[in-house]
Amino acid sequence: MSTPLAVPGIPFELIPSAGSEWVVAGERVEVVAPAHTDLFIDPSGESGTAAETMLNAVTLLGAPGAGDFVFSGRVDAEFRAMFDAAVLLVWADDRHWAKLCFEQSPAGTPMVVSVVTRGVSDDANAFTVDGETVWLRVSRVGRLFALHASTDGDWWHFVRAFALGDEIGDVQLGFEGQSPTGEGCRVSFDRVSFTRETLGDLRDGR
């Protein structure tokens, strides 16, 4: 079993996925995502099983426990190839998860992207980012999850809200790095925050 890691700003331990080499240095946590790694179930049915996909992802996850929360951090990635990404991840089981990504688009532009998986994955682009970093935020309000992104860590753009399913109980929460089409990508996260609070109006920018 992988050794748990303590990440500043998170009041619970996180477990690295098998074989991954996450590093916590000061307030920063980072990993190099190996070549051809991803977390995605192609809705066409052509991408293989969820178990195979999960084994191919580098994740760092822990259990936040029951109740509402707000989880955020500043992320960056050394983009080299299409779909390289630094990710905040919500994981329920191998058929139900969601990720909020700072990702290299096919046009070569950094972009905020979200994926919600309920049996199979969807894929939704939010907005492009003129810069090397972005702030990402995942919140839980009852059975609802909300995703937001920010270019300054102050004003938050609503990305989407969703539920993972009626039978979903406790989730795990944390980070992911991926390089689906490339030869690897270094991703990092800092200014990480986890608070026990209930987000108000999901669309008011706060």
Protein backbone atom coordinates (compact mmCIF):
# COMPACT_ATOMS: atom_id res chain seq x y z
CA MET A 1 0.00 0.00 0.00
CA SER A 2 1.26 3.48 -0.84
CA THR A 3 2.41 5.73 1.99
CA PRO A 4 -0.12 8.47 2.84
CA LEU A 5 0.94 12.05 2.21
CA ALA A 6 0.04 15.19 4.14
CA VAL A 7 -0.66 18.15 1.86
CA PRO A 8 -0.72 21.66 3.40
CA GLY A 9 -4.25 23.04 3.36
CA ILE A 10 -5.96 19.63 3.46
CA PRO A 11 -6.98 18.24 6.89
CA PHE A 12 -6.94 14.57 5.83
CA GLU A 13 -4.26 12.29 4.40
CA LEU A 14 -4.04 11.53 0.68
CA ILE A 15 -3.00 8.19 -0.84
CA PRO A 16 -0.94 8.10 -4.06
CA SER A 17 -2.07 5.69 -6.76
CA ALA A 18 0.08 2.61 -7.21
CA GLY A 19 3.45 3.40 -8.73
CA SER A 20 2.97 7.17 -8.78
CA GLU A 21 5.65 9.46 -7.35
CA TRP A 22 3.94 12.49 -5.84
CA VAL A 23 6.17 15.02 -4.10
CA VAL A 24 5.15 17.53 -1.44
CA ALA A 25 7.63 20.41 -1.18
CA GLY A 26 6.59 23.25 1.09
CA GLU A 27 3.09 24.26 0.01
CA ARG A 28 3.41 22.65 -3.42
CA VAL A 29 2.42 19.14 -4.46
CA GLU A 30 3.50 17.81 -7.84
CA VAL A 31 3.89 14.73 -9.99
CA VAL A 32 5.10 13.80 -13.44
CA ALA A 33 2.26 12.08 -15.28
CA PRO A 34 3.73 9.25 -17.40
CA ALA A 35 3.19 9.00 -21.13
CA HIS A 36 -0.25 7.99 -22.38
CA THR A 37 -2.05 8.31 -19.06
CA ASP A 38 -5.65 9.38 -18.62
CA LEU A 39 -8.85 8.90 -16.66
CA PHE A 40 -11.70 8.62 -19.13
CA ILE A 41 -14.36 6.15 -20.30
CA ASP A 42 -15.09 6.86 -23.95
CA PRO A 43 -18.88 7.05 -24.42
CA SER A 44 -18.44 5.28 -27.76
CA GLY A 45 -17.28 2.23 -25.80
CA GLU A 46 -13.88 2.14 -27.48
CA SER A 47 -11.53 3.14 -24.63
CA GLY A 48 -11.47 -0.05 -22.56
CA THR A 49 -12.67 -0.71 -19.04
CA ALA A 50 -12.81 1.75 -16.18
CA ALA A 51 -10.38 -0.37 -14.18
CA GLU A 52 -7.79 -0.20 -16.95
CA THR A 53 -8.22 3.55 -17.19
CA MET A 54 -7.87 4.12 -13.46
CA LEU A 55 -4.67 2.08 -13.30
CA ASN A 56 -3.31 4.36 -16.01
CA ALA A 57 -3.90 7.58 -14.08
CA VAL A 58 -1.64 9.16 -11.46
CA THR A 59 -3.89 10.25 -8.61
CA LEU A 60 -3.54 11.48 -5.04
CA LEU A 61 -6.82 10.97 -3.19
CA GLY A 62 -8.24 11.07 0.34
CA ALA A 63 -11.59 10.85 2.08
CA PRO A 64 -13.04 14.23 3.13
CA GLY A 65 -15.92 12.60 5.03
CA ALA A 66 -19.57 13.57 4.98
CA GLY A 67 -20.84 17.10 4.63
CA ASP A 68 -20.44 20.12 2.41
CA PHE A 69 -17.00 21.42 1.50
CA VAL A 70 -15.06 23.81 -0.72
CA PHE A 71 -11.75 22.52 -2.16
CA SER A 72 -9.53 24.74 -4.29
CA GLY A 73 -6.00 25.31 -5.47
CA ARG A 74 -3.80 27.04 -8.02
CA VAL A 75 -2.61 24.66 -10.71
CA ASP A 76 -0.07 24.64 -13.50
CA ALA A 77 1.21 22.14 -16.03
CA GLU A 78 4.23 21.93 -18.30
CA PHE A 79 2.12 21.39 -21.40
CA ARG A 80 3.82 19.43 -24.15
CA ALA A 81 1.02 17.60 -25.94
CA MET A 82 -2.71 17.72 -26.56
CA PHE A 83 -4.81 16.90 -23.47
CA ASP A 84 -1.91 17.16 -21.00
CA ALA A 85 -3.66 18.32 -17.83
CA ALA A 86 -3.52 19.10 -14.12
CA VAL A 87 -6.74 18.00 -12.46
CA LEU A 88 -8.86 18.32 -9.33
CA LEU A 89 -10.65 14.97 -9.00
CA VAL A 90 -13.79 13.72 -7.24
CA TRP A 91 -13.86 9.92 -7.12
CA ALA A 92 -16.79 7.77 -5.98
CA ASP A 93 -16.13 4.44 -7.71
CA ASP A 94 -14.80 3.11 -10.99
CA ARG A 95 -17.94 4.19 -12.85
CA HIS A 96 -18.64 7.50 -11.12
CA TRP A 97 -16.20 10.37 -10.90
CA ALA A 98 -15.66 13.95 -12.03
CA LYS A 99 -12.58 15.95 -12.91
CA LEU A 100 -11.91 19.66 -13.39
CA CYS A 101 -8.90 20.13 -15.64
CA PHE A 102 -6.39 22.75 -16.69
CA GLU A 103 -5.71 21.18 -20.06
CA GLN A 104 -3.88 21.72 -23.35
CA SER A 105 -6.51 22.04 -26.07
CA PRO A 106 -6.14 20.59 -29.60
CA ALA A 107 -5.45 24.17 -30.74
CA GLY A 108 -2.49 24.38 -28.35
CA THR A 109 -4.22 26.79 -25.97
CA PRO A 110 -4.58 26.17 -22.22
CA MET A 111 -8.21 25.62 -21.32
CA VAL A 112 -10.48 24.79 -18.39
CA VAL A 113 -12.26 21.50 -19.14
CA SER A 114 -14.62 19.34 -17.09
CA VAL A 115 -15.50 15.65 -17.34
CA VAL A 116 -18.31 13.93 -15.43
CA THR A 117 -18.46 10.13 -15.54
CA ARG A 118 -21.66 8.26 -14.77
CA GLY A 119 -21.06 4.92 -16.44
CA VAL A 120 -19.36 6.69 -19.34
CA SER A 121 -17.60 10.05 -19.49
CA ASP A 122 -18.75 13.30 -21.04
CA ASP A 123 -16.37 16.11 -22.02
CA ALA A 124 -17.12 19.84 -21.79
CA ASN A 125 -14.89 22.84 -22.54
CA ALA A 126 -15.34 25.91 -20.32
CA PHE A 127 -12.96 28.73 -21.38
CA THR A 128 -9.41 29.33 -22.58
CA VAL A 129 -6.75 30.72 -20.24
CA ASP A 130 -4.27 33.41 -21.21
CA GLY A 131 -1.50 32.37 -18.83
CA GLU A 132 0.42 29.49 -17.33
CA THR A 133 -1.70 28.96 -14.21
CA VAL A 134 -5.36 28.90 -13.22
CA TRP A 135 -7.32 28.40 -10.01
CA LEU A 136 -9.72 25.44 -9.82
CA ARG A 137 -12.43 24.77 -7.24
CA VAL A 138 -14.68 21.82 -6.40
CA SER A 139 -17.56 22.23 -3.95
CA ARG A 140 -20.18 19.91 -2.51
CA VAL A 141 -23.62 21.20 -1.54
CA GLY A 142 -25.77 18.33 -0.35
CA ARG A 143 -25.87 15.77 -3.17
CA LEU A 144 -24.76 18.41 -5.66
CA PHE A 145 -21.20 19.07 -6.81
CA ALA A 146 -20.18 22.39 -8.36
CA LEU A 147 -17.08 23.21 -10.40
CA HIS A 148 -15.60 26.70 -10.72
CA ALA A 149 -12.42 28.20 -12.18
CA SER A 150 -10.67 31.53 -11.72
CA THR A 151 -7.82 33.40 -13.35
CA ASP A 152 -7.00 35.36 -10.18
CA GLY A 153 -8.23 33.24 -7.25
CA ASP A 154 -10.81 35.90 -6.41
CA TRP A 155 -13.58 35.96 -9.03
CA TRP A 156 -14.90 32.48 -9.88
CA HIS A 157 -16.45 31.45 -13.18
CA PHE A 158 -19.17 28.83 -12.90
CA VAL A 159 -18.27 25.73 -14.95
CA ARG A 160 -21.03 23.25 -14.12
CA ALA A 161 -23.13 21.61 -11.40
CA PHE A 162 -24.11 17.94 -11.30
CA ALA A 163 -24.87 14.90 -9.15
CA LEU A 164 -22.95 11.65 -9.53
CA GLY A 165 -26.02 9.50 -8.77
CA ASP A 166 -28.63 8.68 -6.16
CA GLU A 167 -26.69 5.72 -4.76
CA ILE A 168 -23.38 7.57 -4.37
CA GLY A 169 -22.18 7.80 -0.78
CA ASP A 170 -18.78 8.94 0.42
CA VAL A 171 -16.31 10.21 -2.18
CA GLN A 172 -12.57 10.67 -2.36
CA LEU A 173 -11.07 13.99 -3.29
CA GLY A 174 -7.71 15.16 -4.56
CA PHE A 175 -5.44 15.55 -7.55
CA GLU A 176 -4.63 13.92 -10.88
CA GLY A 177 -2.04 14.36 -13.63
CA GLN A 178 -2.44 13.09 -17.17
CA SER A 179 -0.76 12.96 -20.58
CA PRO A 180 -3.11 10.97 -22.85
CA THR A 181 -1.44 11.68 -26.19
CA GLY A 182 2.00 12.81 -25.01
CA GLU A 183 5.20 11.50 -23.50
CA GLY A 184 4.59 12.85 -20.02
CA CYS A 185 3.63 16.06 -18.24
CA ARG A 186 4.72 17.64 -14.95
CA VAL A 187 1.78 19.10 -13.01
CA SER A 188 1.73 20.98 -9.73
CA PHE A 189 -0.73 22.43 -7.24
CA ASP A 190 -0.24 25.08 -4.57
CA ARG A 191 -2.27 27.49 -2.41
CA VAL A 192 -4.46 24.49 -1.70
CA SER A 193 -7.47 25.02 0.57
CA PHE A 194 -10.14 22.74 2.01
CA THR A 195 -12.91 24.24 4.16
CA ARG A 196 -16.07 22.89 5.73
CA GLU A 197 -18.55 25.38 4.38
CA THR A 198 -21.60 25.52 2.15
CA LEU A 199 -21.21 27.52 -1.03
CA GLY A 200 -24.02 30.01 -1.60
CA ASP A 201 -25.21 31.10 -5.04
CA LEU A 202 -23.23 28.98 -7.47
CA ARG A 203 -23.31 31.63 -10.21
CA ASP A 204 -22.47 34.86 -8.37
CA GLY A 205 -18.68 34.64 -8.82
CA ARG A 206 -17.82 34.27 -5.12
